[in-house]
Amino acid sequence: MNEQMHGLVTGSVQHITKTLNTLTKVSPMDAAVKATAALHCLQGQPGQEQRRLALLSAGKAALEAMAK
């Protein structure tokens, strides 16, 4: 797992949001893929609800940016 993905899985909600918002501006497809991959890594882990919500929200924003 590269450093960016590690940050998306283990970072704070603010870090996740900032990273994916920045990535969405550069490459919405990459942001959507990374959000999905990080969600997969957190699947089934208790106590990760806030991170999962941040990833879902940022992933949705990336998909909406792709649709424009």
N, C-alpha and C. Protein backbone atom coordinates (compact mmCIF):
# COMPACT_ATOMS: atom_id res chain seq x y z
N MET A 1 0.86 -1.17 0.00
CA MET A 1 0.00 0.00 0.00
C MET A 1 0.91 1.23 0.00
N ASN A 2 0.66 2.15 -0.94
CA ASN A 2 1.51 3.34 -0.99
C ASN A 2 1.11 4.32 0.11
N GLU A 3 1.91 5.36 0.27
CA GLU A 3 1.73 6.31 1.36
C GLU A 3 0.37 7.02 1.30
N GLN A 4 -0.05 7.37 0.09
CA GLN A 4 -1.33 8.07 -0.05
C GLN A 4 -2.50 7.16 0.37
N MET A 5 -2.49 5.92 -0.06
CA MET A 5 -3.55 4.99 0.32
C MET A 5 -3.50 4.72 1.82
N HIS A 6 -2.32 4.60 2.37
CA HIS A 6 -2.19 4.38 3.82
C HIS A 6 -2.84 5.54 4.57
N GLY A 7 -2.62 6.77 4.10
CA GLY A 7 -3.23 7.94 4.72
C GLY A 7 -4.74 7.94 4.62
N LEU A 8 -5.26 7.42 3.51
CA LEU A 8 -6.72 7.36 3.34
C LEU A 8 -7.35 6.31 4.24
N VAL A 9 -6.62 5.29 4.57
CA VAL A 9 -7.15 4.22 5.42
C VAL A 9 -6.95 4.54 6.91
N THR A 10 -5.84 5.17 7.25
CA THR A 10 -5.53 5.38 8.66
C THR A 10 -5.61 6.84 9.11
N GLY A 11 -5.73 7.77 8.17
CA GLY A 11 -5.70 9.18 8.51
C GLY A 11 -6.98 9.69 9.17
N SER A 12 -6.90 10.91 9.63
CA SER A 12 -8.07 11.55 10.24
C SER A 12 -9.09 11.86 9.16
N VAL A 13 -10.30 12.14 9.59
CA VAL A 13 -11.36 12.50 8.65
C VAL A 13 -10.95 13.74 7.86
N GLN A 14 -10.34 14.71 8.52
CA GLN A 14 -9.89 15.92 7.83
C GLN A 14 -8.83 15.60 6.78
N HIS A 15 -7.92 14.71 7.10
CA HIS A 15 -6.88 14.32 6.15
C HIS A 15 -7.50 13.62 4.93
N ILE A 16 -8.41 12.72 5.18
CA ILE A 16 -9.08 11.99 4.10
C ILE A 16 -9.80 12.97 3.18
N THR A 17 -10.56 13.87 3.77
CA THR A 17 -11.33 14.83 2.98
C THR A 17 -10.41 15.74 2.17
N LYS A 18 -9.37 16.28 2.80
CA LYS A 18 -8.45 17.18 2.11
C LYS A 18 -7.74 16.46 0.96
N THR A 19 -7.25 15.26 1.23
CA THR A 19 -6.53 14.50 0.20
C THR A 19 -7.41 14.21 -1.01
N LEU A 20 -8.62 13.72 -0.76
CA LEU A 20 -9.49 13.36 -1.88
C LEU A 20 -10.05 14.59 -2.59
N ASN A 21 -10.30 15.67 -1.88
CA ASN A 21 -10.75 16.90 -2.54
C ASN A 21 -9.67 17.44 -3.47
N THR A 22 -8.43 17.42 -3.01
CA THR A 22 -7.31 17.87 -3.85
C THR A 22 -7.15 16.96 -5.06
N LEU A 23 -7.22 15.66 -4.83
CA LEU A 23 -7.07 14.70 -5.92
C LEU A 23 -8.22 14.82 -6.92
N THR A 24 -9.41 15.11 -6.45
CA THR A 24 -10.57 15.27 -7.34
C THR A 24 -10.34 16.41 -8.33
N LYS A 25 -9.68 17.48 -7.88
CA LYS A 25 -9.41 18.61 -8.77
C LYS A 25 -8.46 18.22 -9.89
N VAL A 26 -7.54 17.30 -9.60
CA VAL A 26 -6.53 16.87 -10.57
C VAL A 26 -7.04 15.70 -11.41
N SER A 27 -7.59 14.69 -10.75
CA SER A 27 -8.04 13.48 -11.43
C SER A 27 -9.23 12.86 -10.69
N PRO A 28 -10.44 13.25 -11.09
CA PRO A 28 -11.62 12.71 -10.41
C PRO A 28 -11.70 11.18 -10.45
N MET A 29 -11.27 10.59 -11.54
CA MET A 29 -11.30 9.13 -11.66
C MET A 29 -10.37 8.49 -10.63
N ASP A 30 -9.17 9.03 -10.49
CA ASP A 30 -8.22 8.50 -9.51
C ASP A 30 -8.77 8.66 -8.09
N ALA A 31 -9.39 9.80 -7.82
CA ALA A 31 -9.97 10.03 -6.49
C ALA A 31 -11.08 9.02 -6.20
N ALA A 32 -11.93 8.76 -7.18
CA ALA A 32 -13.03 7.81 -6.99
C ALA A 32 -12.50 6.40 -6.76
N VAL A 33 -11.49 6.02 -7.51
CA VAL A 33 -10.91 4.68 -7.37
C VAL A 33 -10.24 4.53 -6.00
N LYS A 34 -9.50 5.53 -5.58
CA LYS A 34 -8.81 5.45 -4.29
C LYS A 34 -9.81 5.46 -3.13
N ALA A 35 -10.87 6.24 -3.24
CA ALA A 35 -11.89 6.25 -2.19
C ALA A 35 -12.54 4.87 -2.08
N THR A 36 -12.82 4.26 -3.22
CA THR A 36 -13.43 2.93 -3.23
C THR A 36 -12.48 1.89 -2.64
N ALA A 37 -11.21 1.96 -3.01
CA ALA A 37 -10.23 1.01 -2.49
C ALA A 37 -10.05 1.16 -0.97
N ALA A 38 -10.02 2.40 -0.50
CA ALA A 38 -9.88 2.63 0.95
C ALA A 38 -11.11 2.13 1.69
N LEU A 39 -12.30 2.34 1.11
CA LEU A 39 -13.52 1.81 1.72
C LEU A 39 -13.44 0.30 1.85
N HIS A 40 -12.95 -0.34 0.82
CA HIS A 40 -12.80 -1.80 0.84
C HIS A 40 -11.87 -2.24 1.97
N CYS A 41 -10.78 -1.50 2.17
CA CYS A 41 -9.83 -1.83 3.25
C CYS A 41 -10.48 -1.70 4.63
N LEU A 42 -11.41 -0.77 4.78
CA LEU A 42 -12.04 -0.53 6.07
C LEU A 42 -13.28 -1.40 6.30
N GLN A 43 -13.68 -2.14 5.29
CA GLN A 43 -14.88 -2.97 5.39
C GLN A 43 -14.78 -3.94 6.56
N GLY A 44 -15.80 -3.94 7.38
CA GLY A 44 -15.88 -4.87 8.48
C GLY A 44 -15.08 -4.51 9.72
N GLN A 45 -14.36 -3.40 9.68
CA GLN A 45 -13.58 -2.99 10.83
C GLN A 45 -14.45 -2.12 11.74
N PRO A 46 -14.61 -2.51 12.97
CA PRO A 46 -15.44 -1.72 13.89
C PRO A 46 -14.78 -0.37 14.21
N GLY A 47 -15.61 0.62 14.49
CA GLY A 47 -15.10 1.93 14.89
C GLY A 47 -14.58 2.80 13.77
N GLN A 48 -14.87 2.45 12.54
CA GLN A 48 -14.35 3.21 11.39
C GLN A 48 -15.46 3.98 10.66
N GLU A 49 -16.59 4.18 11.32
CA GLU A 49 -17.74 4.79 10.65
C GLU A 49 -17.43 6.18 10.11
N GLN A 50 -16.74 7.01 10.88
CA GLN A 50 -16.44 8.38 10.45
C GLN A 50 -15.52 8.38 9.22
N ARG A 51 -14.54 7.50 9.21
CA ARG A 51 -13.66 7.41 8.03
C ARG A 51 -14.45 6.93 6.81
N ARG A 52 -15.30 5.92 7.02
CA ARG A 52 -16.10 5.41 5.90
C ARG A 52 -17.02 6.50 5.35
N LEU A 53 -17.64 7.28 6.23
CA LEU A 53 -18.51 8.37 5.77
C LEU A 53 -17.72 9.42 4.99
N ALA A 54 -16.53 9.75 5.46
CA ALA A 54 -15.69 10.72 4.75
C ALA A 54 -15.31 10.19 3.38
N LEU A 55 -14.97 8.91 3.31
CA LEU A 55 -14.60 8.30 2.02
C LEU A 55 -15.80 8.27 1.07
N LEU A 56 -16.96 7.92 1.59
CA LEU A 56 -18.17 7.90 0.75
C LEU A 56 -18.49 9.29 0.21
N SER A 57 -18.41 10.28 1.06
CA SER A 57 -18.72 11.64 0.66
C SER A 57 -17.74 12.15 -0.39
N ALA A 58 -16.45 11.94 -0.14
CA ALA A 58 -15.44 12.39 -1.10
C ALA A 58 -15.51 11.59 -2.40
N GLY A 59 -15.80 10.30 -2.31
CA GLY A 59 -15.96 9.49 -3.51
C GLY A 59 -17.14 9.94 -4.34
N LYS A 60 -18.22 10.30 -3.68
CA LYS A 60 -19.41 10.81 -4.38
C LYS A 60 -19.07 12.11 -5.10
N ALA A 61 -18.35 13.00 -4.42
CA ALA A 61 -17.95 14.27 -5.04
C ALA A 61 -17.06 14.02 -6.26
N ALA A 62 -16.19 13.03 -6.18
CA ALA A 62 -15.31 12.71 -7.31
C ALA A 62 -16.14 12.19 -8.49
N LEU A 63 -17.12 11.34 -8.21
CA LEU A 63 -17.98 10.82 -9.28
C LEU A 63 -18.80 11.94 -9.91
N GLU A 64 -19.27 12.86 -9.09
CA GLU A 64 -20.03 13.99 -9.63
C GLU A 64 -19.15 14.88 -10.49
N ALA A 65 -17.88 15.06 -10.10
CA ALA A 65 -16.95 15.84 -10.90
C ALA A 65 -16.66 15.16 -12.24
N MET A 66 -16.64 13.83 -12.24
CA MET A 66 -16.43 13.10 -13.50
C MET A 66 -17.63 13.27 -14.43
N ALA A 67 -18.81 13.41 -13.87
CA ALA A 67 -20.03 13.51 -14.68
C ALA A 67 -20.17 14.87 -15.35
N LYS A 68 -19.41 15.86 -14.89
CA LYS A 68 -19.51 17.21 -15.46
C LYS A 68 -18.80 17.31 -16.78
